[in-house]
Amino acid sequence: MSRMIAALLVSAGAVAALGGCGTTTAGTPVTVVREIVPPSTTTAVVAPPATSVVVVEPPVTVTRAPSLTSCQRLFAEGFSYTYAFNTWVNAGRPLSWDADRDGYPCEQSYGNRN
């Protein structure tokens, strides 16, 4: 920190006490030196405002898988053609299971059986 020194010249006829150094006589100019200290400064650290990040996921379109027919579901789950045929008979031989109406159900899933 730099300090500034100011000099004050006391004009003739003035009396100044020099703190134990003696007294001056009338008409003798006296130079008084006084230290001027600049005001102290303080550094304040200001934290930036808290920020928050919001992540927005892109919209997702959900589409249902096409529904499986009864024959496709039985085939996908690993059931045999014999099990599918017996299930068709127990269900009352619905026409939706026998596309070509030849008496053999699930031919589109298990292959042609006639």
Protein backbone atom coordinates (compact mmCIF):
# COMPACT_ATOMS: atom_id res chain seq x y z
CA MET A 1 0.00 0.00 0.00
CA SER A 2 1.55 3.35 -0.94
CA ARG A 3 1.59 6.19 1.53
CA MET A 4 1.43 9.83 0.74
CA ILE A 5 3.47 12.42 2.59
CA ALA A 6 2.16 15.94 2.91
CA ALA A 7 4.28 18.83 3.90
CA LEU A 8 2.88 21.81 5.72
CA LEU A 9 4.84 24.99 5.82
CA VAL A 10 4.12 27.10 8.87
CA SER A 11 4.43 30.77 8.01
CA ALA A 12 6.50 33.27 9.92
CA GLY A 13 5.12 34.25 13.28
CA ALA A 14 3.50 30.94 13.97
CA VAL A 15 4.60 28.74 16.80
CA ALA A 16 4.70 25.01 16.42
CA ALA A 17 5.48 22.39 18.97
CA LEU A 18 7.73 19.71 17.61
CA GLY A 19 7.18 17.18 20.35
CA GLY A 20 10.38 17.38 22.36
CA CYS A 21 12.57 18.67 19.54
CA GLY A 22 12.48 22.21 20.89
CA THR A 23 10.62 25.35 20.06
CA THR A 24 10.98 27.70 17.20
CA THR A 25 11.60 31.38 17.32
CA ALA A 26 9.27 33.91 15.84
CA GLY A 27 9.82 34.53 12.20
CA THR A 28 11.51 31.22 11.48
CA PRO A 29 9.60 29.08 9.03
CA VAL A 30 8.93 25.54 10.24
CA THR A 31 8.13 22.55 8.06
CA VAL A 32 5.80 20.01 9.63
CA VAL A 33 5.60 16.62 7.96
CA ARG A 34 2.49 14.55 8.48
CA GLU A 35 1.72 11.16 6.97
CA ILE A 36 -1.58 10.91 5.10
CA VAL A 37 -2.88 7.36 4.96
CA PRO A 38 -5.36 6.64 2.20
CA PRO A 39 -8.59 5.05 3.35
CA SER A 40 -8.40 1.30 3.53
CA THR A 41 -10.31 -0.64 0.90
CA THR A 42 -12.09 -3.88 1.38
CA THR A 43 -12.61 -6.44 -1.31
CA ALA A 44 -16.01 -8.07 -1.24
CA VAL A 45 -16.47 -11.37 -3.03
CA VAL A 46 -19.95 -11.74 -4.40
CA ALA A 47 -20.97 -15.25 -5.31
CA PRO A 48 -22.91 -15.62 -8.55
CA PRO A 49 -26.57 -16.46 -8.15
CA ALA A 50 -27.34 -20.13 -7.90
CA THR A 51 -28.42 -21.57 -11.20
CA SER A 52 -30.39 -24.68 -11.79
CA VAL A 53 -30.39 -26.83 -14.88
CA VAL A 54 -33.65 -28.29 -16.06
CA VAL A 55 -33.34 -31.15 -18.52
CA VAL A 56 -36.41 -31.65 -20.66
CA GLU A 57 -36.59 -35.00 -22.34
CA PRO A 58 -37.88 -35.01 -25.91
CA PRO A 59 -41.43 -36.29 -26.27
CA VAL A 60 -41.73 -40.00 -26.87
CA THR A 61 -44.40 -41.45 -29.09
CA VAL A 62 -45.68 -44.74 -27.78
CA THR A 63 -47.35 -46.98 -30.30
CA ARG A 64 -48.94 -50.26 -29.42
CA ALA A 65 -47.68 -53.31 -31.16
CA PRO A 66 -50.25 -54.78 -33.48
CA SER A 67 -52.36 -57.24 -31.56
CA LEU A 68 -51.68 -60.88 -32.24
CA THR A 69 -54.35 -63.32 -33.30
CA SER A 70 -54.96 -66.31 -31.06
CA CYS A 71 -52.95 -68.55 -33.39
CA GLN A 72 -50.02 -66.10 -33.53
CA ARG A 73 -50.01 -65.82 -29.74
CA LEU A 74 -50.01 -69.63 -29.27
CA PHE A 75 -47.19 -70.00 -31.82
CA ALA A 76 -45.14 -67.17 -30.26
CA GLU A 77 -45.47 -68.72 -26.81
CA GLY A 78 -44.11 -72.06 -28.13
CA PHE A 79 -47.24 -74.21 -28.05
CA SER A 80 -47.45 -77.14 -30.49
CA TYR A 81 -49.89 -77.40 -33.39
CA THR A 82 -51.70 -80.20 -31.55
CA TYR A 83 -52.25 -77.90 -28.55
CA ALA A 84 -53.46 -75.09 -30.86
CA PHE A 85 -55.85 -77.49 -32.67
CA ASN A 86 -57.32 -78.76 -29.37
CA THR A 87 -57.69 -75.19 -28.11
CA TRP A 88 -59.54 -74.30 -31.35
CA VAL A 89 -61.91 -77.26 -30.88
CA ASN A 90 -62.50 -76.35 -27.19
CA ALA A 91 -63.24 -72.73 -28.20
CA GLY A 92 -66.06 -73.93 -30.49
CA ARG A 93 -64.13 -73.92 -33.79
CA PRO A 94 -64.23 -70.15 -34.38
CA LEU A 95 -63.99 -69.22 -38.04
CA SER A 96 -61.41 -66.51 -37.31
CA TRP A 97 -58.86 -69.27 -36.56
CA ASP A 98 -59.38 -71.06 -39.91
CA ALA A 99 -58.77 -68.50 -42.65
CA ASP A 100 -59.36 -70.85 -45.64
CA ARG A 101 -62.24 -72.72 -43.95
CA ASP A 102 -60.74 -76.15 -44.60
CA GLY A 103 -61.05 -77.42 -41.00
CA TYR A 104 -57.44 -76.84 -40.03
CA PRO A 105 -56.87 -73.83 -37.80
CA CYS A 106 -53.74 -71.67 -37.48
CA GLU A 107 -52.29 -72.62 -40.87
CA GLN A 108 -50.89 -69.10 -41.34
CA SER A 109 -48.85 -69.48 -38.13
CA TYR A 110 -47.98 -73.20 -38.14
CA GLY A 111 -48.01 -73.90 -41.89
CA ASN A 112 -50.45 -75.77 -44.13
CA ARG A 113 -51.69 -78.96 -42.44
CA ASN A 114 -54.01 -80.50 -45.10
